[in-house]
Amino acid sequence: MDSKKAYEIMKEEYVDREALELCNQIEKQLERIISYDDGFLNDRTFDEIKKSAIKLLKEWHL
C-alpha cells in the first residue's frame, strides 16, 4: 500500500471516530434534555431547541 492510500485510510478512520463521538455526545445531551423535564418540555419547546441547535451547527460548519 502506498503512503497516499495509507493517509486516506487514516483520515477516514479519524473522521469516522470523531463522527461517532459527536453522535454519542448529541445522544447524551438529548437524553439529558428529555430526562430534565421541569414542565417546560413539550413538543413545541423541543422543536425550538432542535431548531436553535441546527442553526448553530450550520453556522459552525461554515
N, C-alpha and C. Protein backbone atom coordinates (compact mmCIF):
# COMPACT_ATOMS: atom_id res chain seq x y z
N MET A 1 0.86 -1.17 0.00
CA MET A 1 0.00 0.00 0.00
C MET A 1 0.90 1.24 0.00
N ASP A 2 0.56 2.16 -0.86
CA ASP A 2 1.37 3.38 -0.91
C ASP A 2 0.97 4.36 0.19
N SER A 3 1.79 5.36 0.39
CA SER A 3 1.58 6.29 1.50
C SER A 3 0.32 7.12 1.33
N LYS A 4 -0.04 7.43 0.10
CA LYS A 4 -1.26 8.21 -0.14
C LYS A 4 -2.50 7.42 0.28
N LYS A 5 -2.52 6.14 -0.06
CA LYS A 5 -3.64 5.27 0.32
C LYS A 5 -3.69 5.11 1.84
N ALA A 6 -2.53 4.94 2.47
CA ALA A 6 -2.47 4.81 3.93
C ALA A 6 -2.99 6.08 4.60
N TYR A 7 -2.61 7.23 4.05
CA TYR A 7 -3.08 8.50 4.60
C TYR A 7 -4.60 8.61 4.48
N GLU A 8 -5.15 8.23 3.34
CA GLU A 8 -6.60 8.29 3.14
C GLU A 8 -7.33 7.37 4.11
N ILE A 9 -6.78 6.20 4.35
CA ILE A 9 -7.39 5.26 5.30
C ILE A 9 -7.36 5.84 6.71
N MET A 10 -6.21 6.41 7.10
CA MET A 10 -6.10 7.02 8.43
C MET A 10 -7.07 8.19 8.58
N LYS A 11 -7.19 8.99 7.55
CA LYS A 11 -8.10 10.13 7.58
C LYS A 11 -9.55 9.66 7.71
N GLU A 12 -9.91 8.63 6.95
CA GLU A 12 -11.27 8.09 7.02
C GLU A 12 -11.57 7.53 8.41
N GLU A 13 -10.62 6.82 8.99
CA GLU A 13 -10.80 6.28 10.35
C GLU A 13 -10.96 7.41 11.36
N TYR A 14 -10.17 8.46 11.20
CA TYR A 14 -10.26 9.62 12.10
C TYR A 14 -11.64 10.27 12.00
N VAL A 15 -12.10 10.50 10.77
CA VAL A 15 -13.41 11.12 10.56
C VAL A 15 -14.50 10.25 11.16
N ASP A 16 -14.44 8.95 10.92
CA ASP A 16 -15.44 8.03 11.46
C ASP A 16 -15.45 8.06 12.99
N ARG A 17 -14.27 8.06 13.59
CA ARG A 17 -14.15 8.06 15.06
C ARG A 17 -14.72 9.36 15.65
N GLU A 18 -14.39 10.49 15.03
CA GLU A 18 -14.88 11.78 15.53
C GLU A 18 -16.38 11.92 15.31
N ALA A 19 -16.88 11.43 14.19
CA ALA A 19 -18.32 11.49 13.92
C ALA A 19 -19.08 10.64 14.94
N LEU A 20 -18.55 9.48 15.27
CA LEU A 20 -19.17 8.63 16.27
C LEU A 20 -19.19 9.32 17.63
N GLU A 21 -18.10 9.95 18.01
CA GLU A 21 -18.03 10.67 19.29
C GLU A 21 -19.04 11.81 19.31
N LEU A 22 -19.15 12.54 18.22
CA LEU A 22 -20.12 13.63 18.14
C LEU A 22 -21.54 13.10 18.29
N CYS A 23 -21.85 12.01 17.62
CA CYS A 23 -23.18 11.41 17.75
C CYS A 23 -23.45 10.96 19.18
N ASN A 24 -22.44 10.39 19.83
CA ASN A 24 -22.60 9.97 21.23
C ASN A 24 -22.88 11.16 22.14
N GLN A 25 -22.17 12.26 21.92
CA GLN A 25 -22.39 13.46 22.74
C GLN A 25 -23.78 14.05 22.50
N ILE A 26 -24.21 14.07 21.26
CA ILE A 26 -25.56 14.57 20.95
C ILE A 26 -26.61 13.69 21.61
N GLU A 27 -26.42 12.37 21.54
CA GLU A 27 -27.36 11.45 22.17
C GLU A 27 -27.43 11.68 23.68
N LYS A 28 -26.28 11.86 24.33
CA LYS A 28 -26.25 12.10 25.77
C LYS A 28 -27.00 13.39 26.13
N GLN A 29 -26.79 14.43 25.34
CA GLN A 29 -27.45 15.70 25.62
C GLN A 29 -28.96 15.61 25.39
N LEU A 30 -29.38 14.88 24.37
CA LEU A 30 -30.81 14.69 24.15
C LEU A 30 -31.44 13.94 25.32
N GLU A 31 -30.75 12.92 25.81
CA GLU A 31 -31.25 12.18 26.97
C GLU A 31 -31.33 13.09 28.19
N ARG A 32 -30.34 13.98 28.36
CA ARG A 32 -30.35 14.91 29.48
C ARG A 32 -31.54 15.86 29.38
N ILE A 33 -31.76 16.39 28.19
CA ILE A 33 -32.87 17.32 27.99
C ILE A 33 -34.20 16.64 28.29
N ILE A 34 -34.36 15.44 27.78
CA ILE A 34 -35.62 14.72 27.96
C ILE A 34 -35.84 14.34 29.42
N SER A 35 -34.77 13.91 30.11
CA SER A 35 -34.92 13.47 31.50
C SER A 35 -35.06 14.65 32.46
N TYR A 36 -34.61 15.82 32.08
CA TYR A 36 -34.69 17.00 32.93
C TYR A 36 -35.90 17.83 32.51
N ASP A 37 -37.05 17.27 32.72
CA ASP A 37 -38.28 17.96 32.34
C ASP A 37 -38.90 18.58 33.58
N ASP A 38 -38.82 19.90 33.65
CA ASP A 38 -39.42 20.61 34.78
C ASP A 38 -40.74 21.26 34.38
N GLY A 39 -41.39 20.66 33.41
CA GLY A 39 -42.68 21.17 32.96
C GLY A 39 -42.60 22.05 31.72
N PHE A 40 -41.40 22.42 31.33
CA PHE A 40 -41.24 23.28 30.16
C PHE A 40 -41.17 22.49 28.85
N LEU A 41 -40.76 21.23 28.95
CA LEU A 41 -40.52 20.46 27.74
C LEU A 41 -41.82 19.90 27.18
N ASN A 42 -42.20 20.42 26.05
CA ASN A 42 -43.29 19.87 25.28
C ASN A 42 -42.81 19.81 23.83
N ASP A 43 -43.65 19.37 22.93
CA ASP A 43 -43.21 19.24 21.54
C ASP A 43 -42.74 20.56 20.95
N ARG A 44 -43.45 21.62 21.26
CA ARG A 44 -43.08 22.93 20.70
C ARG A 44 -41.73 23.41 21.24
N THR A 45 -41.53 23.27 22.54
CA THR A 45 -40.26 23.68 23.14
C THR A 45 -39.11 22.83 22.61
N PHE A 46 -39.34 21.53 22.49
CA PHE A 46 -38.30 20.64 21.97
C PHE A 46 -37.96 21.01 20.53
N ASP A 47 -38.98 21.34 19.73
CA ASP A 47 -38.74 21.78 18.35
C ASP A 47 -37.91 23.06 18.32
N GLU A 48 -38.18 23.98 19.25
CA GLU A 48 -37.39 25.21 19.32
C GLU A 48 -35.94 24.92 19.67
N ILE A 49 -35.73 23.98 20.59
CA ILE A 49 -34.37 23.58 20.97
C ILE A 49 -33.65 22.99 19.75
N LYS A 50 -34.34 22.11 19.03
CA LYS A 50 -33.73 21.49 17.85
C LYS A 50 -33.40 22.52 16.79
N LYS A 51 -34.32 23.44 16.52
CA LYS A 51 -34.08 24.46 15.50
C LYS A 51 -32.88 25.32 15.86
N SER A 52 -32.80 25.70 17.12
CA SER A 52 -31.67 26.52 17.57
C SER A 52 -30.36 25.76 17.44
N ALA A 53 -30.36 24.49 17.82
CA ALA A 53 -29.15 23.67 17.74
C ALA A 53 -28.73 23.47 16.28
N ILE A 54 -29.69 23.21 15.42
CA ILE A 54 -29.38 23.03 14.00
C ILE A 54 -28.81 24.31 13.41
N LYS A 55 -29.36 25.44 13.80
CA LYS A 55 -28.85 26.73 13.32
C LYS A 55 -27.40 26.92 13.74
N LEU A 56 -27.10 26.61 15.01
CA LEU A 56 -25.72 26.73 15.49
C LEU A 56 -24.77 25.79 14.75
N LEU A 57 -25.22 24.56 14.52
CA LEU A 57 -24.38 23.61 13.80
C LEU A 57 -24.08 24.10 12.39
N LYS A 58 -25.08 24.66 11.73
CA LYS A 58 -24.87 25.18 10.38
C LYS A 58 -23.91 26.35 10.39
N GLU A 59 -24.01 27.23 11.39
CA GLU A 59 -23.10 28.37 11.49
C GLU A 59 -21.66 27.90 11.73
N TRP A 60 -21.49 26.92 12.59
CA TRP A 60 -20.15 26.41 12.90
C TRP A 60 -19.55 25.71 11.69
N HIS A 61 -20.40 25.06 10.91
CA HIS A 61 -19.92 24.29 9.76
C HIS A 61 -19.38 25.20 8.67
N LEU A 62 -19.91 26.42 8.58
CA LEU A 62 -19.46 27.34 7.55
C LEU A 62 -18.08 27.81 7.90
